[in-house]
Amino acid sequence: MTQKIPNGEQVQLLVNAVMPWVEAELRKTGRFFPAAAWLERGATEPAFRAMDAAEGSRTPPIAQQEAMLTAELLGRWQSGGLVAALLMAPVFYGRSGSGERSTAVRLHVETREGYCADIFMPYRIRTGWRRRGRPPNRVHFSHPVAQESDSRFGGSPPPAQE
């Protein structure tokens, strides 16, 4: 029996906002940088921000980029301004007990109602020959895996009074 996600439409809205961007980046360059999407109280469309390569300097490690995105959202989350947030990063993922690891998109999702999970979207990139106007890579996502996770925002305070 599957458990229904509290406010699953908020989670789906955030996932739908970021996955097309991830796929486009993987097709174009074969990689993507950490990003965040969030849904503000009363908003119908999520906001989105992606980290990018620092020009002329070394790109910070992924964990540091994720920490920067978390810090940007933390104040709004704690004040009750956000109803849901998603942090996304490239990771190596392996099922428990398996020695194999594959590249994956990790979507860390939190909602105000206390839903907190990591969703792993393993993928493969097949390099194709470049046709006029077509990206050089083909991306195939396999079945997502979700697991409970610890909050990045220090827990979910009670919803703000309307």
N, C-alpha and C. Protein backbone atom coordinates (compact mmCIF):
# COMPACT_ATOMS: atom_id res chain seq x y z
N MET A 1 0.84 -1.17 0.00
CA MET A 1 0.00 0.00 0.00
C MET A 1 0.89 1.24 0.00
N THR A 2 0.67 2.16 -0.89
CA THR A 2 1.48 3.36 -0.97
C THR A 2 0.88 4.45 -0.11
N GLN A 3 1.78 5.20 0.51
CA GLN A 3 1.35 6.29 1.36
C GLN A 3 1.21 7.56 0.53
N LYS A 4 0.12 8.27 0.74
CA LYS A 4 -0.11 9.51 0.00
C LYS A 4 0.78 10.62 0.56
N ILE A 5 1.40 11.35 -0.33
CA ILE A 5 2.26 12.46 0.07
C ILE A 5 1.38 13.63 0.48
N PRO A 6 1.62 14.21 1.69
CA PRO A 6 0.87 15.40 2.06
C PRO A 6 1.16 16.52 1.06
N ASN A 7 0.15 17.16 0.57
CA ASN A 7 0.30 18.21 -0.44
C ASN A 7 1.19 17.77 -1.60
N GLY A 8 0.89 16.58 -2.12
CA GLY A 8 1.66 16.03 -3.22
C GLY A 8 1.69 16.94 -4.44
N GLU A 9 0.66 17.76 -4.62
CA GLU A 9 0.65 18.65 -5.79
C GLU A 9 1.76 19.70 -5.68
N GLN A 10 2.12 20.12 -4.46
CA GLN A 10 3.23 21.06 -4.30
C GLN A 10 4.55 20.40 -4.68
N VAL A 11 4.74 19.16 -4.24
CA VAL A 11 5.95 18.41 -4.57
C VAL A 11 6.02 18.22 -6.09
N GLN A 12 4.92 17.80 -6.70
CA GLN A 12 4.91 17.57 -8.14
C GLN A 12 5.18 18.85 -8.91
N LEU A 13 4.65 19.96 -8.46
CA LEU A 13 4.88 21.25 -9.10
C LEU A 13 6.36 21.60 -9.09
N LEU A 14 7.03 21.38 -7.96
CA LEU A 14 8.47 21.66 -7.87
C LEU A 14 9.28 20.72 -8.76
N VAL A 15 8.95 19.44 -8.74
CA VAL A 15 9.68 18.47 -9.57
C VAL A 15 9.49 18.82 -11.05
N ASN A 16 8.27 19.15 -11.44
CA ASN A 16 8.00 19.52 -12.83
C ASN A 16 8.73 20.80 -13.23
N ALA A 17 9.03 21.66 -12.27
CA ALA A 17 9.74 22.90 -12.58
C ALA A 17 11.22 22.66 -12.84
N VAL A 18 11.83 21.67 -12.17
CA VAL A 18 13.28 21.50 -12.30
C VAL A 18 13.72 20.43 -13.28
N MET A 19 12.94 19.37 -13.46
CA MET A 19 13.41 18.26 -14.29
C MET A 19 13.62 18.62 -15.76
N PRO A 20 12.78 19.44 -16.39
CA PRO A 20 13.08 19.82 -17.77
C PRO A 20 14.41 20.59 -17.88
N TRP A 21 14.71 21.42 -16.89
CA TRP A 21 15.99 22.15 -16.89
C TRP A 21 17.15 21.18 -16.78
N VAL A 22 17.05 20.20 -15.86
CA VAL A 22 18.12 19.21 -15.68
C VAL A 22 18.35 18.45 -16.98
N GLU A 23 17.27 17.97 -17.58
CA GLU A 23 17.41 17.20 -18.81
C GLU A 23 18.06 18.03 -19.92
N ALA A 24 17.67 19.29 -20.03
CA ALA A 24 18.26 20.16 -21.06
C ALA A 24 19.75 20.36 -20.82
N GLU A 25 20.13 20.57 -19.56
CA GLU A 25 21.55 20.74 -19.24
C GLU A 25 22.35 19.48 -19.54
N LEU A 26 21.80 18.33 -19.17
CA LEU A 26 22.49 17.07 -19.44
C LEU A 26 22.63 16.82 -20.94
N ARG A 27 21.62 17.15 -21.70
CA ARG A 27 21.70 17.00 -23.16
C ARG A 27 22.74 17.92 -23.75
N LYS A 28 22.77 19.14 -23.25
CA LYS A 28 23.66 20.15 -23.82
C LYS A 28 25.12 19.94 -23.41
N THR A 29 25.37 19.73 -22.10
CA THR A 29 26.76 19.71 -21.61
C THR A 29 27.15 18.41 -20.92
N GLY A 30 26.19 17.53 -20.63
CA GLY A 30 26.50 16.30 -19.93
C GLY A 30 26.60 16.45 -18.43
N ARG A 31 26.28 17.62 -17.90
CA ARG A 31 26.32 17.85 -16.45
C ARG A 31 25.36 18.97 -16.09
N PHE A 32 25.13 19.11 -14.78
CA PHE A 32 24.31 20.22 -14.30
C PHE A 32 24.83 20.63 -12.93
N PHE A 33 24.55 21.84 -12.56
CA PHE A 33 24.96 22.37 -11.26
C PHE A 33 23.78 22.31 -10.30
N PRO A 34 24.06 22.31 -8.99
CA PRO A 34 22.96 22.32 -8.02
C PRO A 34 22.00 23.48 -8.27
N ALA A 35 20.75 23.26 -7.90
CA ALA A 35 19.72 24.27 -8.11
C ALA A 35 18.67 24.14 -7.00
N ALA A 36 17.81 25.12 -6.93
CA ALA A 36 16.72 25.11 -5.95
C ALA A 36 15.46 25.63 -6.61
N ALA A 37 14.34 25.11 -6.15
CA ALA A 37 13.02 25.63 -6.55
C ALA A 37 12.22 25.74 -5.27
N TRP A 38 11.35 26.73 -5.22
CA TRP A 38 10.55 26.92 -4.02
C TRP A 38 9.21 27.51 -4.38
N LEU A 39 8.26 27.28 -3.50
CA LEU A 39 6.91 27.77 -3.69
C LEU A 39 6.59 28.70 -2.52
N GLU A 40 6.39 29.96 -2.83
CA GLU A 40 6.08 30.94 -1.79
C GLU A 40 4.61 30.88 -1.44
N ARG A 41 4.30 31.26 -0.21
CA ARG A 41 2.91 31.26 0.26
C ARG A 41 2.06 32.09 -0.69
N GLY A 42 0.98 31.51 -1.20
CA GLY A 42 0.06 32.20 -2.10
C GLY A 42 0.45 32.14 -3.57
N ALA A 43 1.64 31.66 -3.88
CA ALA A 43 2.09 31.60 -5.28
C ALA A 43 1.52 30.35 -5.97
N THR A 44 1.33 30.45 -7.27
CA THR A 44 0.86 29.29 -8.03
C THR A 44 1.99 28.68 -8.87
N GLU A 45 3.07 29.42 -9.06
CA GLU A 45 4.21 28.93 -9.83
C GLU A 45 5.46 29.00 -8.96
N PRO A 46 6.32 27.98 -9.04
CA PRO A 46 7.53 28.01 -8.24
C PRO A 46 8.58 28.96 -8.81
N ALA A 47 9.46 29.43 -7.93
CA ALA A 47 10.63 30.20 -8.34
C ALA A 47 11.78 29.20 -8.48
N PHE A 48 12.82 29.58 -9.22
CA PHE A 48 13.91 28.66 -9.53
C PHE A 48 15.23 29.42 -9.55
N ARG A 49 16.28 28.80 -9.04
CA ARG A 49 17.62 29.38 -9.10
C ARG A 49 18.63 28.25 -9.25
N ALA A 50 19.51 28.39 -10.22
CA ALA A 50 20.56 27.39 -10.44
C ALA A 50 21.92 28.04 -10.18
N MET A 51 22.81 27.27 -9.59
CA MET A 51 24.19 27.71 -9.44
C MET A 51 24.82 27.61 -10.83
N ASP A 52 25.87 28.34 -11.05
CA ASP A 52 26.57 28.22 -12.33
C ASP A 52 28.06 28.26 -12.11
N ALA A 53 28.79 27.93 -13.14
CA ALA A 53 30.25 27.92 -13.06
C ALA A 53 30.73 29.34 -12.81
N ALA A 54 31.57 29.49 -11.82
CA ALA A 54 32.13 30.80 -11.52
C ALA A 54 33.16 31.12 -12.59
N GLU A 55 32.96 32.21 -13.28
CA GLU A 55 33.86 32.56 -14.37
C GLU A 55 35.22 32.98 -13.82
N GLY A 56 36.26 32.41 -14.39
CA GLY A 56 37.61 32.78 -14.04
C GLY A 56 38.08 32.25 -12.70
N SER A 57 37.25 31.48 -12.03
CA SER A 57 37.68 30.91 -10.75
C SER A 57 37.21 29.47 -10.65
N ARG A 58 37.67 28.83 -9.61
CA ARG A 58 37.34 27.44 -9.40
C ARG A 58 35.91 27.31 -8.88
N THR A 59 35.15 26.36 -9.42
CA THR A 59 33.77 26.12 -8.98
C THR A 59 33.80 25.47 -7.60
N PRO A 60 33.02 25.99 -6.65
CA PRO A 60 32.99 25.38 -5.31
C PRO A 60 32.47 23.94 -5.37
N PRO A 61 32.83 23.12 -4.39
CA PRO A 61 32.31 21.74 -4.35
C PRO A 61 30.78 21.74 -4.27
N ILE A 62 30.19 20.65 -4.72
CA ILE A 62 28.73 20.55 -4.76
C ILE A 62 28.12 20.77 -3.38
N ALA A 63 28.72 20.17 -2.34
CA ALA A 63 28.19 20.34 -0.99
C ALA A 63 28.16 21.82 -0.58
N GLN A 64 29.18 22.55 -0.97
CA GLN A 64 29.22 23.99 -0.65
C GLN A 64 28.16 24.75 -1.44
N GLN A 65 27.95 24.38 -2.70
CA GLN A 65 26.91 25.03 -3.50
C GLN A 65 25.53 24.76 -2.91
N GLU A 66 25.31 23.51 -2.46
CA GLU A 66 24.03 23.18 -1.82
C GLU A 66 23.84 23.99 -0.53
N ALA A 67 24.91 24.14 0.24
CA ALA A 67 24.83 24.91 1.48
C ALA A 67 24.49 26.37 1.19
N MET A 68 25.03 26.91 0.10
CA MET A 68 24.73 28.29 -0.28
C MET A 68 23.25 28.43 -0.65
N LEU A 69 22.72 27.48 -1.40
CA LEU A 69 21.30 27.51 -1.77
C LEU A 69 20.41 27.37 -0.53
N THR A 70 20.79 26.47 0.36
CA THR A 70 20.03 26.29 1.60
C THR A 70 20.01 27.58 2.41
N ALA A 71 21.16 28.23 2.53
CA ALA A 71 21.25 29.47 3.29
C ALA A 71 20.37 30.56 2.68
N GLU A 72 20.28 30.59 1.35
CA GLU A 72 19.44 31.59 0.68
C GLU A 72 17.96 31.39 1.01
N LEU A 73 17.53 30.15 1.20
CA LEU A 73 16.12 29.85 1.44
C LEU A 73 15.76 29.79 2.93
N LEU A 74 16.74 29.61 3.78
CA LEU A 74 16.49 29.35 5.19
C LEU A 74 15.66 30.43 5.89
N GLY A 75 15.99 31.68 5.70
CA GLY A 75 15.26 32.75 6.36
C GLY A 75 13.79 32.79 5.96
N ARG A 76 13.54 32.64 4.67
CA ARG A 76 12.15 32.64 4.19
C ARG A 76 11.38 31.42 4.69
N TRP A 77 12.08 30.27 4.80
CA TRP A 77 11.44 29.07 5.31
C TRP A 77 11.07 29.26 6.77
N GLN A 78 12.01 29.74 7.57
CA GLN A 78 11.77 29.89 9.01
C GLN A 78 10.72 30.95 9.32
N SER A 79 10.60 31.96 8.47
CA SER A 79 9.58 32.99 8.70
C SER A 79 8.19 32.56 8.20
N GLY A 80 8.11 31.39 7.55
CA GLY A 80 6.83 30.89 7.06
C GLY A 80 6.49 31.39 5.67
N GLY A 81 7.42 32.02 4.97
CA GLY A 81 7.15 32.55 3.64
C GLY A 81 7.12 31.50 2.54
N LEU A 82 7.70 30.33 2.81
CA LEU A 82 7.73 29.26 1.81
C LEU A 82 6.84 28.11 2.28
N VAL A 83 6.09 27.53 1.35
CA VAL A 83 5.27 26.36 1.69
C VAL A 83 5.92 25.06 1.26
N ALA A 84 6.89 25.14 0.33
CA ALA A 84 7.62 23.95 -0.11
C ALA A 84 8.92 24.39 -0.75
N ALA A 85 9.94 23.54 -0.63
CA ALA A 85 11.24 23.84 -1.22
C ALA A 85 11.87 22.56 -1.74
N LEU A 86 12.68 22.70 -2.77
CA LEU A 86 13.37 21.57 -3.38
C LEU A 86 14.81 21.99 -3.63
N LEU A 87 15.75 21.17 -3.20
CA LEU A 87 17.17 21.35 -3.50
C LEU A 87 17.58 20.20 -4.40
N MET A 88 18.33 20.49 -5.44
CA MET A 88 18.68 19.49 -6.42
C MET A 88 20.18 19.48 -6.64
N ALA A 89 20.77 18.27 -6.75
CA ALA A 89 22.21 18.17 -6.96
C ALA A 89 22.54 16.86 -7.68
N PRO A 90 23.67 16.86 -8.40
CA PRO A 90 24.15 15.61 -8.99
C PRO A 90 24.83 14.76 -7.91
N VAL A 91 24.54 13.46 -7.90
CA VAL A 91 25.13 12.55 -6.92
C VAL A 91 25.44 11.21 -7.58
N PHE A 92 26.21 10.39 -6.87
CA PHE A 92 26.35 8.99 -7.23
C PHE A 92 25.41 8.24 -6.31
N TYR A 93 24.62 7.35 -6.89
CA TYR A 93 23.59 6.65 -6.13
C TYR A 93 23.75 5.15 -6.32
N GLY A 94 23.63 4.42 -5.23
CA GLY A 94 23.65 2.96 -5.29
C GLY A 94 22.61 2.40 -4.35
N ARG A 95 21.88 1.43 -4.81
CA ARG A 95 20.88 0.79 -3.94
C ARG A 95 21.60 0.07 -2.79
N SER A 96 20.93 0.04 -1.66
CA SER A 96 21.48 -0.61 -0.48
C SER A 96 21.85 -2.06 -0.80
N GLY A 97 23.07 -2.45 -0.43
CA GLY A 97 23.53 -3.81 -0.67
C GLY A 97 24.15 -4.04 -2.03
N SER A 98 24.10 -3.04 -2.89
CA SER A 98 24.66 -3.17 -4.23
C SER A 98 25.99 -2.43 -4.30
N GLY A 99 26.96 -3.04 -4.93
CA GLY A 99 28.26 -2.40 -5.11
C GLY A 99 28.27 -1.42 -6.26
N GLU A 100 27.23 -1.45 -7.08
CA GLU A 100 27.16 -0.57 -8.24
C GLU A 100 26.65 0.81 -7.85
N ARG A 101 27.20 1.81 -8.48
CA ARG A 101 26.74 3.18 -8.26
C ARG A 101 26.54 3.81 -9.63
N SER A 102 25.54 4.64 -9.71
CA SER A 102 25.29 5.33 -10.97
C SER A 102 25.04 6.81 -10.70
N THR A 103 25.15 7.60 -11.73
CA THR A 103 24.88 9.02 -11.59
C THR A 103 23.38 9.20 -11.43
N ALA A 104 23.02 10.18 -10.62
CA ALA A 104 21.60 10.43 -10.37
C ALA A 104 21.39 11.90 -10.04
N VAL A 105 20.17 12.32 -10.20
CA VAL A 105 19.72 13.63 -9.73
C VAL A 105 19.10 13.38 -8.35
N ARG A 106 19.58 14.09 -7.33
CA ARG A 106 18.95 13.99 -6.02
C ARG A 106 18.07 15.21 -5.82
N LEU A 107 16.79 14.96 -5.60
CA LEU A 107 15.83 16.02 -5.32
C LEU A 107 15.48 15.94 -3.84
N HIS A 108 15.93 16.90 -3.07
CA HIS A 108 15.59 16.95 -1.64
C HIS A 108 14.37 17.86 -1.53
N VAL A 109 13.24 17.30 -1.11
CA VAL A 109 11.98 18.04 -1.09
C VAL A 109 11.46 18.15 0.34
N GLU A 110 11.03 19.35 0.71
CA GLU A 110 10.40 19.57 2.01
C GLU A 110 9.14 20.40 1.81
N THR A 111 8.10 20.02 2.56
CA THR A 111 6.88 20.83 2.55
C THR A 111 6.61 21.31 3.97
N ARG A 112 5.82 22.33 4.08
CA ARG A 112 5.48 22.92 5.37
C ARG A 112 4.78 21.91 6.28
N GLU A 113 4.08 20.93 5.69
CA GLU A 113 3.34 19.94 6.47
C GLU A 113 4.24 18.84 7.03
N GLY A 114 5.54 18.94 6.82
CA GLY A 114 6.47 17.98 7.41
C GLY A 114 6.99 16.91 6.47
N TYR A 115 6.54 16.89 5.21
CA TYR A 115 7.08 15.91 4.26
C TYR A 115 8.53 16.28 3.97
N CYS A 116 9.43 15.32 4.12
CA CYS A 116 10.84 15.57 3.88
C CYS A 116 11.45 14.29 3.30
N ALA A 117 11.88 14.34 2.05
CA ALA A 117 12.40 13.15 1.39
C ALA A 117 13.46 13.51 0.37
N ASP A 118 14.30 12.52 0.09
CA ASP A 118 15.23 12.60 -1.03
C ASP A 118 14.69 11.68 -2.10
N ILE A 119 14.57 12.22 -3.30
CA ILE A 119 14.12 11.44 -4.45
C ILE A 119 15.31 11.33 -5.40
N PHE A 120 15.72 10.12 -5.69
CA PHE A 120 16.86 9.89 -6.58
C PHE A 120 16.35 9.50 -7.95
N MET A 121 16.85 10.19 -8.97
CA MET A 121 16.48 9.92 -10.36
C MET A 121 17.75 9.49 -11.11
N PRO A 122 18.09 8.19 -11.10
CA PRO A 122 19.27 7.73 -11.83
C PRO A 122 19.12 8.00 -13.33
N TYR A 123 20.24 8.28 -13.97
CA TYR A 123 20.18 8.55 -15.41
C TYR A 123 21.42 8.01 -16.12
N ARG A 124 21.27 7.84 -17.42
CA ARG A 124 22.37 7.49 -18.32
C ARG A 124 22.40 8.53 -19.43
N ILE A 125 23.60 8.83 -19.87
CA ILE A 125 23.76 9.73 -21.01
C ILE A 125 24.40 8.94 -22.13
N ARG A 126 23.79 9.00 -23.27
CA ARG A 126 24.38 8.38 -24.46
C ARG A 126 24.79 9.50 -25.40
N THR A 127 26.06 9.51 -25.71
CA THR A 127 26.55 10.53 -26.61
C THR A 127 26.18 10.13 -28.03
N GLY A 128 25.50 11.02 -28.69
CA GLY A 128 25.09 10.76 -30.06
C GLY A 128 25.88 11.64 -31.01
N TRP A 129 25.81 11.30 -32.27
CA TRP A 129 26.48 12.15 -33.23
C TRP A 129 25.61 13.39 -33.43
N ARG A 130 26.26 14.49 -33.60
CA ARG A 130 25.58 15.78 -33.66
C ARG A 130 24.88 15.94 -35.01
N ARG A 131 23.57 16.11 -34.91
CA ARG A 131 22.80 16.45 -36.10
C ARG A 131 22.48 17.93 -36.04
N ARG A 132 22.28 18.51 -37.16
CA ARG A 132 22.01 19.94 -37.22
C ARG A 132 20.85 20.31 -36.30
N GLY A 133 21.12 21.21 -35.35
CA GLY A 133 20.08 21.71 -34.47
C GLY A 133 19.67 20.79 -33.34
N ARG A 134 20.33 19.66 -33.19
CA ARG A 134 19.96 18.71 -32.12
C ARG A 134 21.08 18.64 -31.09
N PRO A 135 20.73 18.50 -29.80
CA PRO A 135 21.76 18.36 -28.78
C PRO A 135 22.56 17.07 -29.00
N PRO A 136 23.83 17.05 -28.59
CA PRO A 136 24.67 15.88 -28.85
C PRO A 136 24.40 14.69 -27.93
N ASN A 137 23.73 14.89 -26.81
CA ASN A 137 23.51 13.81 -25.86
C ASN A 137 22.04 13.40 -25.78
N ARG A 138 21.85 12.10 -25.51
CA ARG A 138 20.51 11.60 -25.20
C ARG A 138 20.52 11.18 -23.74
N VAL A 139 19.49 11.56 -23.02
CA VAL A 139 19.41 11.29 -21.58
C VAL A 139 18.26 10.33 -21.33
N HIS A 140 18.55 9.29 -20.54
CA HIS A 140 17.51 8.34 -20.16
C HIS A 140 17.47 8.27 -18.64
N PHE A 141 16.32 8.60 -18.05
CA PHE A 141 16.12 8.50 -16.61
C PHE A 141 15.47 7.15 -16.31
N SER A 142 15.99 6.47 -15.28
CA SER A 142 15.35 5.22 -14.86
C SER A 142 14.41 5.50 -13.69
N HIS A 143 13.87 4.49 -13.09
CA HIS A 143 12.84 4.64 -12.07
C HIS A 143 13.34 5.42 -10.86
N PRO A 144 12.56 6.40 -10.41
CA PRO A 144 12.96 7.17 -9.23
C PRO A 144 12.83 6.34 -7.95
N VAL A 145 13.66 6.67 -6.98
CA VAL A 145 13.62 6.03 -5.67
C VAL A 145 13.52 7.14 -4.63
N ALA A 146 12.54 7.03 -3.72
CA ALA A 146 12.37 8.05 -2.68
C ALA A 146 12.65 7.43 -1.32
N GLN A 147 13.25 8.23 -0.45
CA GLN A 147 13.49 7.79 0.92
C GLN A 147 13.37 8.97 1.86
N GLU A 148 12.97 8.69 3.09
CA GLU A 148 12.86 9.75 4.08
C GLU A 148 14.22 10.41 4.27
N SER A 149 14.19 11.67 4.67
CA SER A 149 15.42 12.42 4.82
C SER A 149 15.31 13.37 6.00
N ASP A 150 16.43 13.83 6.49
CA ASP A 150 16.45 14.85 7.54
C ASP A 150 16.22 16.22 6.90
N SER A 151 15.61 17.10 7.67
CA SER A 151 15.33 18.45 7.18
C SER A 151 16.61 19.24 7.00
N ARG A 152 16.69 19.99 5.93
CA ARG A 152 17.80 20.92 5.70
C ARG A 152 17.50 22.29 6.31
N PHE A 153 16.23 22.48 6.66
CA PHE A 153 15.80 23.79 7.15
C PHE A 153 15.50 23.78 8.64
N GLY A 154 15.97 22.76 9.35
CA GLY A 154 15.83 22.71 10.79
C GLY A 154 14.43 22.41 11.28
N GLY A 155 13.70 21.62 10.54
CA GLY A 155 12.34 21.28 10.94
C GLY A 155 11.34 22.21 10.31
N SER A 156 10.11 21.88 10.44
CA SER A 156 9.03 22.66 9.85
C SER A 156 8.27 23.38 10.94
N PRO A 157 8.40 24.70 11.03
CA PRO A 157 7.61 25.43 12.00
C PRO A 157 6.14 25.38 11.62
N PRO A 158 5.26 25.66 12.56
CA PRO A 158 3.83 25.62 12.23
C PRO A 158 3.50 26.60 11.11
N PRO A 159 2.48 26.26 10.30
CA PRO A 159 2.11 27.17 9.22
C PRO A 159 1.75 28.56 9.75
N ALA A 160 2.11 29.57 8.98
CA ALA A 160 1.78 30.94 9.37
C ALA A 160 0.26 31.12 9.33
N GLN A 161 -0.26 31.92 10.25
CA GLN A 161 -1.69 32.18 10.30
C GLN A 161 -2.10 33.06 9.13
N GLU A 162 -3.20 32.71 8.52
CA GLU A 162 -3.67 33.46 7.35
C GLU A 162 -4.48 34.65 7.77
